[in-house]
Amino acid sequence: MDKDEKIYGEKFRIHSYEVDVTNTATLQAICQYLQEVASNHAEKLGFGMTWLLENQRTWMLSRLLVRMENFPRAGEDIIVKTWPSGTDRLLFLRDFSIERESGEILGKAVSSWVYMNLETHRPVHPSSREFDYDFTQTGARALDENPGKISPLAGGEERASFKVRYNDLDMNNHVNNIKYIEWLMESVEPEYRRAHLPVEISVNFLAEALYGQDVTVHSVQTDGFSHAVKNRNGDDICRAQTVWRLL
């Protein structure tokens, strides 16, 4: 735990299976660290998996914005820090910092979460105070903005298709958030990816994908890419924007 009790950090070593052909950590690996440290911090604060299972509640990631300055390489240790950063209407906010052990900032992220009642299938408002924690914003934000709403994709063509596998599911029997990011990355042509790094991703998670369903990824290339993951009915279940830079 950081000297500020609201900030929690963990060290992660980049494994060989978490890098791509550039020998740098993939964006989905970075997002996995964010998810892991957020879950562990929530557990320490008393509203993590143990409490959720006992009380028929869950956290659902609604929006995520990640901006990277640099990517760690295989074998390198990084520190991922996180802290609750306030509320926005129905949403609980959580920020992140990705750092080298030297303190160099590799990236920052902000996220918005919905706290769900699994019995009613409805969100629980932050004002309910179901657990003893003050979510009032204190201290600096990682970024000077919250993850924004992404508009529906205008045009676009199908770039990839997938069938939801059992191993794609989380404990709520829904596709894990990281799988959406993996699908988005797979929709970008290998030739482009060999010459570029994805330095920013903004994602809106809109609906559930379940086991056995077919999903497709549609994209439009501009300065980066705008993406939509669609179900078999053509409805958006995830929207995203990615920004890339030349290697």
C-alpha atoms as a PDB file:
ATOM      1  CA  MET A   1       0.000   0.000   0.000  1.00  0.00           C
ATOM      2  CA  ASP A   2       1.221   3.526  -0.814  1.00  0.00           C
ATOM      3  CA  LYS A   3       1.799   6.032   1.994  1.00  0.00           C
ATOM      4  CA  ASP A   4      -1.573   7.435   0.913  1.00  0.00           C
ATOM      5  CA  GLU A   5      -3.944   4.719   2.119  1.00  0.00           C
ATOM      6  CA  LYS A   6      -6.280   5.337  -0.826  1.00  0.00           C
ATOM      7  CA  ILE A   7      -3.543   4.381  -3.283  1.00  0.00           C
ATOM      8  CA  TYR A   8      -2.764   0.701  -3.734  1.00  0.00           C
ATOM      9  CA  GLY A   9       0.101  -0.716  -5.796  1.00  0.00           C
ATOM     10  CA  GLU A  10       1.430  -4.078  -6.941  1.00  0.00           C
ATOM     11  CA  LYS A  11       4.555  -5.199  -8.764  1.00  0.00           C
ATOM     12  CA  PHE A  12       4.216  -7.276 -11.928  1.00  0.00           C
ATOM     13  CA  ARG A  13       6.918  -8.956 -14.008  1.00  0.00           C
ATOM     14  CA  ILE A  14       6.319  -9.005 -17.753  1.00  0.00           C
ATOM     15  CA  HIS A  15       6.297 -12.639 -18.892  1.00  0.00           C
ATOM     16  CA  SER A  16       7.405 -13.881 -22.295  1.00  0.00           C
ATOM     17  CA  TYR A  17       3.816 -14.867 -23.129  1.00  0.00           C
ATOM     18  CA  GLU A  18       2.624 -11.292 -22.486  1.00  0.00           C
ATOM     19  CA  VAL A  19       4.692  -9.634 -25.247  1.00  0.00           C
ATOM     20  CA  ASP A  20       4.240  -9.569 -29.014  1.00  0.00           C
ATOM     21  CA  VAL A  21       6.709  -9.624 -31.909  1.00  0.00           C
ATOM     22  CA  THR A  22       8.126  -6.260 -30.766  1.00  0.00           C
ATOM     23  CA  ASN A  23       9.082  -7.834 -27.379  1.00  0.00           C
ATOM     24  CA  THR A  24       6.910  -5.258 -25.594  1.00  0.00           C
ATOM     25  CA  ALA A  25       3.912  -5.993 -23.390  1.00  0.00           C
ATOM     26  CA  THR A  26       0.653  -6.148 -25.297  1.00  0.00           C
ATOM     27  CA  LEU A  27      -2.087  -3.664 -24.539  1.00  0.00           C
ATOM     28  CA  GLN A  28      -4.328  -6.486 -23.353  1.00  0.00           C
ATOM     29  CA  ALA A  29      -1.626  -7.583 -20.893  1.00  0.00           C
ATOM     30  CA  ILE A  30      -1.461  -4.039 -19.498  1.00  0.00           C
ATOM     31  CA  CYS A  31      -5.255  -4.016 -19.145  1.00  0.00           C
ATOM     32  CA  GLN A  32      -5.110  -7.371 -17.346  1.00  0.00           C
ATOM     33  CA  TYR A  33      -2.813  -5.808 -14.752  1.00  0.00           C
ATOM     34  CA  LEU A  34      -5.296  -2.954 -14.308  1.00  0.00           C
ATOM     35  CA  GLN A  35      -8.129  -5.406 -13.774  1.00  0.00           C
ATOM     36  CA  GLU A  36      -6.082  -7.492 -11.328  1.00  0.00           C
ATOM     37  CA  VAL A  37      -4.916  -4.597  -9.190  1.00  0.00           C
ATOM     38  CA  ALA A  38      -8.413  -3.071  -9.108  1.00  0.00           C
ATOM     39  CA  SER A  39      -9.878  -6.391  -7.925  1.00  0.00           C
ATOM     40  CA  ASN A  40      -7.213  -6.854  -5.250  1.00  0.00           C
ATOM     41  CA  HIS A  41      -7.610  -3.293  -3.981  1.00  0.00           C
ATOM     42  CA  ALA A  42     -11.384  -3.661  -3.769  1.00  0.00           C
ATOM     43  CA  GLU A  43     -10.858  -6.858  -1.747  1.00  0.00           C
ATOM     44  CA  LYS A  44      -8.615  -5.041   0.720  1.00  0.00           C
ATOM     45  CA  LEU A  45     -11.140  -2.214   1.066  1.00  0.00           C
ATOM     46  CA  GLY A  46     -13.958  -4.627   1.883  1.00  0.00           C
ATOM     47  CA  PHE A  47     -15.988  -4.587  -1.327  1.00  0.00           C
ATOM     48  CA  GLY A  48     -14.109  -7.156  -3.406  1.00  0.00           C
ATOM     49  CA  MET A  49     -14.977 -10.629  -4.622  1.00  0.00           C
ATOM     50  CA  THR A  50     -15.550 -12.130  -1.181  1.00  0.00           C
ATOM     51  CA  TRP A  51     -18.111  -9.474  -0.193  1.00  0.00           C
ATOM     52  CA  LEU A  52     -19.723  -9.462  -3.654  1.00  0.00           C
ATOM     53  CA  LEU A  53     -20.342 -13.214  -3.689  1.00  0.00           C
ATOM     54  CA  GLU A  54     -21.890 -13.093  -0.238  1.00  0.00           C
ATOM     55  CA  ASN A  55     -24.202 -10.200  -1.126  1.00  0.00           C
ATOM     56  CA  GLN A  56     -25.281 -10.917  -4.720  1.00  0.00           C
ATOM     57  CA  ARG A  57     -23.443  -7.906  -6.082  1.00  0.00           C
ATOM     58  CA  THR A  58     -20.810  -7.368  -8.760  1.00  0.00           C
ATOM     59  CA  TRP A  59     -18.687  -4.647 -10.327  1.00  0.00           C
ATOM     60  CA  MET A  60     -19.102  -4.191 -14.081  1.00  0.00           C
ATOM     61  CA  LEU A  61     -16.551  -2.176 -16.045  1.00  0.00           C
ATOM     62  CA  SER A  62     -18.467   0.377 -18.110  1.00  0.00           C
ATOM     63  CA  ARG A  63     -15.758   2.548 -19.689  1.00  0.00           C
ATOM     64  CA  LEU A  64     -11.972   2.486 -19.850  1.00  0.00           C
ATOM     65  CA  LEU A  65      -9.393   4.934 -21.201  1.00  0.00           C
ATOM     66  CA  VAL A  66      -5.702   3.936 -21.261  1.00  0.00           C
ATOM     67  CA  ARG A  67      -2.847   6.142 -22.505  1.00  0.00           C
ATOM     68  CA  MET A  68       0.658   4.710 -22.755  1.00  0.00           C
ATOM     69  CA  GLU A  69       3.909   6.639 -23.130  1.00  0.00           C
ATOM     70  CA  ASN A  70       6.124   3.545 -23.220  1.00  0.00           C
ATOM     71  CA  PHE A  71       5.708  -0.208 -22.997  1.00  0.00           C
ATOM     72  CA  PRO A  72       7.735  -2.528 -20.733  1.00  0.00           C
ATOM     73  CA  ARG A  73       9.655  -5.454 -22.209  1.00  0.00           C
ATOM     74  CA  ALA A  74       9.762  -9.123 -21.271  1.00  0.00           C
ATOM     75  CA  GLY A  75      11.462  -9.653 -17.900  1.00  0.00           C
ATOM     76  CA  GLU A  76      10.933  -6.081 -16.738  1.00  0.00           C
ATOM     77  CA  ASP A  77       9.187  -5.316 -13.436  1.00  0.00           C
ATOM     78  CA  ILE A  78       6.527  -2.622 -13.320  1.00  0.00           C
ATOM     79  CA  ILE A  79       4.391  -1.104 -10.576  1.00  0.00           C
ATOM     80  CA  VAL A  80       0.683  -0.626 -11.198  1.00  0.00           C
ATOM     81  CA  LYS A  81      -1.061   1.763  -8.796  1.00  0.00           C
ATOM     82  CA  THR A  82      -4.781   2.375  -8.436  1.00  0.00           C
ATOM     83  CA  TRP A  83      -7.181   4.429  -6.364  1.00  0.00           C
ATOM     84  CA  PRO A  84     -10.931   5.214  -6.252  1.00  0.00           C
ATOM     85  CA  SER A  85     -11.325   8.716  -7.682  1.00  0.00           C
ATOM     86  CA  GLY A  86     -14.923   9.732  -7.068  1.00  0.00           C
ATOM     87  CA  THR A  87     -18.328   9.110  -8.598  1.00  0.00           C
ATOM     88  CA  ASP A  88     -20.210  10.374 -11.646  1.00  0.00           C
ATOM     89  CA  ARG A  89     -23.979   9.844 -11.388  1.00  0.00           C
ATOM     90  CA  LEU A  90     -24.392   6.027 -11.369  1.00  0.00           C
ATOM     91  CA  LEU A  91     -20.704   5.401 -12.043  1.00  0.00           C
ATOM     92  CA  PHE A  92     -17.842   4.752  -9.628  1.00  0.00           C
ATOM     93  CA  LEU A  93     -14.499   6.084 -10.907  1.00  0.00           C
ATOM     94  CA  ARG A  94     -11.105   4.407 -10.518  1.00  0.00           C
ATOM     95  CA  ASP A  95      -7.723   5.694 -11.757  1.00  0.00           C
ATOM     96  CA  PHE A  96      -4.438   3.939 -12.502  1.00  0.00           C
ATOM     97  CA  SER A  97      -0.752   4.665 -12.994  1.00  0.00           C
ATOM     98  CA  ILE A  98       1.672   2.248 -14.692  1.00  0.00           C
ATOM     99  CA  GLU A  99       5.286   2.893 -13.667  1.00  0.00           C
ATOM    100  CA  ARG A 100       8.797   1.525 -13.831  1.00  0.00           C
ATOM    101  CA  GLU A 101      10.442   0.801 -10.492  1.00  0.00           C
ATOM    102  CA  SER A 102      12.443   3.995 -11.021  1.00  0.00           C
ATOM    103  CA  GLY A 103       9.191   5.959 -10.882  1.00  0.00           C
ATOM    104  CA  GLU A 104       9.085   6.692 -14.623  1.00  0.00           C
ATOM    105  CA  ILE A 105       5.471   6.844 -15.758  1.00  0.00           C
ATOM    106  CA  LEU A 106       4.765   4.376 -18.552  1.00  0.00           C
ATOM    107  CA  GLY A 107       1.055   5.033 -18.787  1.00  0.00           C
ATOM    108  CA  LYS A 108      -2.097   6.212 -17.080  1.00  0.00           C
ATOM    109  CA  ALA A 109      -5.695   5.086 -17.140  1.00  0.00           C
ATOM    110  CA  VAL A 110      -9.139   6.097 -15.910  1.00  0.00           C
ATOM    111  CA  SER A 111     -12.175   3.846 -15.630  1.00  0.00           C
ATOM    112  CA  SER A 112     -15.890   3.941 -14.814  1.00  0.00           C
ATOM    113  CA  TRP A 113     -17.686   1.080 -13.059  1.00  0.00           C
ATOM    114  CA  VAL A 114     -21.299   0.138 -12.395  1.00  0.00           C
ATOM    115  CA  TYR A 115     -22.092  -1.537  -9.081  1.00  0.00           C
ATOM    116  CA  MET A 116     -24.805  -4.113  -9.857  1.00  0.00           C
ATOM    117  CA  ASN A 117     -27.414  -5.932  -7.808  1.00  0.00           C
ATOM    118  CA  LEU A 118     -27.438  -9.439  -9.323  1.00  0.00           C
ATOM    119  CA  GLU A 119     -30.866 -10.236  -7.861  1.00  0.00           C
ATOM    120  CA  THR A 120     -32.637  -7.273  -9.497  1.00  0.00           C
ATOM    121  CA  HIS A 121     -30.179  -6.905 -12.413  1.00  0.00           C
ATOM    122  CA  ARG A 122     -30.156  -3.174 -11.749  1.00  0.00           C
ATOM    123  CA  PRO A 123     -27.329  -0.794 -10.821  1.00  0.00           C
ATOM    124  CA  VAL A 124     -26.986   0.405  -7.256  1.00  0.00           C
ATOM    125  CA  HIS A 125     -26.547   4.170  -6.886  1.00  0.00           C
ATOM    126  CA  PRO A 126     -23.358   5.368  -5.121  1.00  0.00           C
ATOM    127  CA  SER A 127     -25.541   7.193  -2.582  1.00  0.00           C
ATOM    128  CA  SER A 128     -26.749   3.822  -1.236  1.00  0.00           C
ATOM    129  CA  ARG A 129     -23.580   3.509   0.873  1.00  0.00           C
ATOM    130  CA  GLU A 130     -23.818  -0.292   1.012  1.00  0.00           C
ATOM    131  CA  PHE A 131     -20.241  -0.457   2.277  1.00  0.00           C
ATOM    132  CA  ASP A 132     -18.256   1.771   4.565  1.00  0.00           C
ATOM    133  CA  TYR A 133     -15.976   3.725   2.260  1.00  0.00           C
ATOM    134  CA  ASP A 134     -15.811   7.387   1.275  1.00  0.00           C
ATOM    135  CA  PHE A 135     -15.678   7.599  -2.527  1.00  0.00           C
ATOM    136  CA  THR A 136     -15.301  11.373  -2.506  1.00  0.00           C
ATOM    137  CA  GLN A 137     -12.513  12.383  -4.861  1.00  0.00           C
ATOM    138  CA  THR A 138      -9.289  13.255  -3.069  1.00  0.00           C
ATOM    139  CA  GLY A 139      -5.890  14.048  -4.555  1.00  0.00           C
ATOM    140  CA  ALA A 140      -4.831  14.157  -8.170  1.00  0.00           C
ATOM    141  CA  ARG A 141      -6.489  12.321 -11.030  1.00  0.00           C
ATOM    142  CA  ALA A 142      -4.401  10.135 -13.343  1.00  0.00           C
ATOM    143  CA  LEU A 143      -5.884  11.963 -16.340  1.00  0.00           C
ATOM    144  CA  ASP A 144      -7.847  15.213 -16.469  1.00  0.00           C
ATOM    145  CA  GLU A 145     -10.940  13.516 -17.877  1.00  0.00           C
ATOM    146  CA  ASN A 146     -13.275  10.590 -17.415  1.00  0.00           C
ATOM    147  CA  PRO A 147     -13.660   7.898 -20.071  1.00  0.00           C
ATOM    148  CA  GLY A 148     -16.023   9.362 -22.645  1.00  0.00           C
ATOM    149  CA  LYS A 149     -19.054   8.059 -24.488  1.00  0.00           C
ATOM    150  CA  ILE A 150     -18.171   6.658 -27.925  1.00  0.00           C
ATOM    151  CA  SER A 151     -20.619   7.270 -30.778  1.00  0.00           C
ATOM    152  CA  PRO A 152     -21.878   4.419 -32.976  1.00  0.00           C
ATOM    153  CA  LEU A 153     -19.535   3.457 -35.793  1.00  0.00           C
ATOM    154  CA  ALA A 154     -20.274   5.262 -39.052  1.00  0.00           C
ATOM    155  CA  GLY A 155     -19.735   2.763 -41.863  1.00  0.00           C
ATOM    156  CA  GLY A 156     -16.916   0.356 -41.256  1.00  0.00           C
ATOM    157  CA  GLU A 157     -16.312  -3.142 -42.515  1.00  0.00           C
ATOM    158  CA  GLU A 158     -16.084  -6.483 -40.796  1.00  0.00           C
ATOM    159  CA  ARG A 159     -12.438  -7.144 -39.918  1.00  0.00           C
ATOM    160  CA  ALA A 160     -12.670 -10.231 -37.686  1.00  0.00           C
ATOM    161  CA  SER A 161     -15.158 -12.736 -36.287  1.00  0.00           C
ATOM    162  CA  PHE A 162     -15.108 -14.924 -33.195  1.00  0.00           C
ATOM    163  CA  LYS A 163     -17.218 -17.483 -31.366  1.00  0.00           C
ATOM    164  CA  VAL A 164     -17.341 -17.024 -27.606  1.00  0.00           C
ATOM    165  CA  ARG A 165     -15.492 -19.911 -25.953  1.00  0.00           C
ATOM    166  CA  TYR A 166     -15.856 -21.242 -22.425  1.00  0.00           C
ATOM    167  CA  ASN A 167     -12.370 -19.923 -21.596  1.00  0.00           C
ATOM    168  CA  ASP A 168     -13.502 -16.413 -22.571  1.00  0.00           C
ATOM    169  CA  LEU A 169     -15.989 -16.257 -19.663  1.00  0.00           C
ATOM    170  CA  ASP A 170     -15.576 -14.655 -16.248  1.00  0.00           C
ATOM    171  CA  MET A 171     -17.173 -15.649 -12.958  1.00  0.00           C
ATOM    172  CA  ASN A 172     -20.418 -13.877 -13.956  1.00  0.00           C
ATOM    173  CA  ASN A 173     -20.647 -16.152 -17.015  1.00  0.00           C
ATOM    174  CA  HIS A 174     -20.008 -13.187 -19.318  1.00  0.00           C
ATOM    175  CA  VAL A 175     -17.078 -12.528 -21.630  1.00  0.00           C
ATOM    176  CA  ASN A 176     -14.131 -11.124 -19.686  1.00  0.00           C
ATOM    177  CA  ASN A 177     -13.397  -7.472 -20.505  1.00  0.00           C
ATOM    178  CA  ILE A 178      -9.874  -8.335 -21.641  1.00  0.00           C
ATOM    179  CA  LYS A 179     -11.264 -10.576 -24.395  1.00  0.00           C
ATOM    180  CA  TYR A 180     -12.958  -7.609 -26.043  1.00  0.00           C
ATOM    181  CA  ILE A 181      -9.618  -5.794 -26.160  1.00  0.00           C
ATOM    182  CA  GLU A 182      -7.967  -8.922 -27.559  1.00  0.00           C
ATOM    183  CA  TRP A 183     -10.641  -9.101 -30.286  1.00  0.00           C
ATOM    184  CA  LEU A 184     -10.106  -5.431 -31.136  1.00  0.00           C
ATOM    185  CA  MET A 185      -6.357  -5.927 -31.490  1.00  0.00           C
ATOM    186  CA  GLU A 186      -6.886  -9.011 -33.671  1.00  0.00           C
ATOM    187  CA  SER A 187      -9.033  -6.974 -36.042  1.00  0.00           C
ATOM    188  CA  VAL A 188      -6.053  -4.784 -37.007  1.00  0.00           C
ATOM    189  CA  GLU A 189      -3.963  -6.119 -39.904  1.00  0.00           C
ATOM    190  CA  PRO A 190      -0.641  -7.761 -38.902  1.00  0.00           C
ATOM    191  CA  GLU A 191       1.314  -5.566 -41.324  1.00  0.00           C
ATOM    192  CA  TYR A 192       0.018  -2.445 -39.596  1.00  0.00           C
ATOM    193  CA  ARG A 193       0.691  -3.846 -36.124  1.00  0.00           C
ATOM    194  CA  ARG A 194       4.288  -4.770 -36.957  1.00  0.00           C
ATOM    195  CA  ALA A 195       4.987  -1.082 -37.665  1.00  0.00           C
ATOM    196  CA  HIS A 196       2.835   0.558 -34.965  1.00  0.00           C
ATOM    197  CA  LEU A 197       2.168   0.475 -31.230  1.00  0.00           C
ATOM    198  CA  PRO A 198      -1.330   1.009 -29.771  1.00  0.00           C
ATOM    199  CA  VAL A 199      -0.624   3.902 -27.409  1.00  0.00           C
ATOM    200  CA  GLU A 200      -4.223   4.741 -26.497  1.00  0.00           C
ATOM    201  CA  ILE A 201      -7.472   2.840 -26.210  1.00  0.00           C
ATOM    202  CA  SER A 202     -10.900   4.053 -25.170  1.00  0.00           C
ATOM    203  CA  VAL A 203     -13.584   1.403 -24.674  1.00  0.00           C
ATOM    204  CA  ASN A 204     -17.309   1.457 -23.886  1.00  0.00           C
ATOM    205  CA  PHE A 205     -18.668  -1.902 -22.710  1.00  0.00           C
ATOM    206  CA  LEU A 206     -22.352  -1.842 -23.661  1.00  0.00           C
ATOM    207  CA  ALA A 207     -23.870  -5.319 -23.394  1.00  0.00           C
ATOM    208  CA  GLU A 208     -23.113  -8.924 -22.511  1.00  0.00           C
ATOM    209  CA  ALA A 209     -21.643 -11.568 -24.757  1.00  0.00           C
ATOM    210  CA  LEU A 210     -22.366 -15.141 -23.694  1.00  0.00           C
ATOM    211  CA  TYR A 211     -20.979 -18.586 -24.364  1.00  0.00           C
ATOM    212  CA  GLY A 212     -21.471 -19.878 -27.909  1.00  0.00           C
ATOM    213  CA  GLN A 213     -22.445 -16.539 -29.415  1.00  0.00           C
ATOM    214  CA  ASP A 214     -20.880 -15.300 -32.657  1.00  0.00           C
ATOM    215  CA  VAL A 215     -19.422 -11.801 -32.586  1.00  0.00           C
ATOM    216  CA  THR A 216     -17.843  -9.651 -35.288  1.00  0.00           C
ATOM    217  CA  VAL A 217     -15.467  -6.693 -35.107  1.00  0.00           C
ATOM    218  CA  HIS A 218     -16.086  -3.791 -37.490  1.00  0.00           C
ATOM    219  CA  SER A 219     -13.553  -0.991 -37.937  1.00  0.00           C
ATOM    220  CA  VAL A 220     -12.917   2.289 -39.723  1.00  0.00           C
ATOM    221  CA  GLN A 221      -9.354   3.590 -40.060  1.00  0.00           C
ATOM    222  CA  THR A 222      -8.729   7.314 -39.667  1.00  0.00           C
ATOM    223  CA  ASP A 223      -5.690   8.607 -37.768  1.00  0.00           C
ATOM    224  CA  GLY A 224      -6.200   5.478 -35.683  1.00  0.00           C
ATOM    225  CA  PHE A 225      -9.206   3.159 -35.669  1.00  0.00           C
ATOM    226  CA  SER A 226     -12.809   3.270 -34.562  1.00  0.00           C
ATOM    227  CA  HIS A 227     -14.200  -0.158 -33.691  1.00  0.00           C
ATOM    228  CA  ALA A 228     -17.461  -1.859 -32.834  1.00  0.00           C
ATOM    229  CA  VAL A 229     -17.965  -5.400 -31.583  1.00  0.00           C
ATOM    230  CA  LYS A 230     -21.383  -6.629 -32.716  1.00  0.00           C
ATOM    231  CA  ASN A 231     -23.535  -9.618 -31.865  1.00  0.00           C
ATOM    232  CA  ARG A 232     -25.297 -11.801 -34.430  1.00  0.00           C
ATOM    233  CA  ASN A 233     -28.198  -9.330 -34.530  1.00  0.00           C
ATOM    234  CA  GLY A 234     -25.868  -6.512 -35.506  1.00  0.00           C
ATOM    235  CA  ASP A 235     -26.203  -4.734 -32.149  1.00  0.00           C
ATOM    236  CA  ASP A 236     -23.126  -3.077 -30.661  1.00  0.00           C
ATOM    237  CA  ILE A 237     -21.934  -4.801 -27.499  1.00  0.00           C
ATOM    238  CA  CYS A 238     -18.674  -2.830 -27.327  1.00  0.00           C
ATOM    239  CA  ARG A 239     -17.346   0.342 -28.978  1.00  0.00           C
ATOM    240  CA  ALA A 240     -13.748   1.468 -28.970  1.00  0.00           C
ATOM    241  CA  GLN A 241     -11.219   3.888 -30.413  1.00  0.00           C
ATOM    242  CA  THR A 242      -7.496   3.173 -30.685  1.00  0.00           C
ATOM    243  CA  VAL A 243      -4.556   5.483 -31.376  1.00  0.00           C
ATOM    244  CA  TRP A 244      -1.290   4.107 -32.745  1.00  0.00           C
ATOM    245  CA  ARG A 245       2.229   5.449 -33.293  1.00  0.00           C
ATOM    246  CA  LEU A 246       5.033   4.303 -35.535  1.00  0.00           C
ATOM    247  CA  LEU A 247       7.671   2.108 -33.952  1.00  0.00           C
END
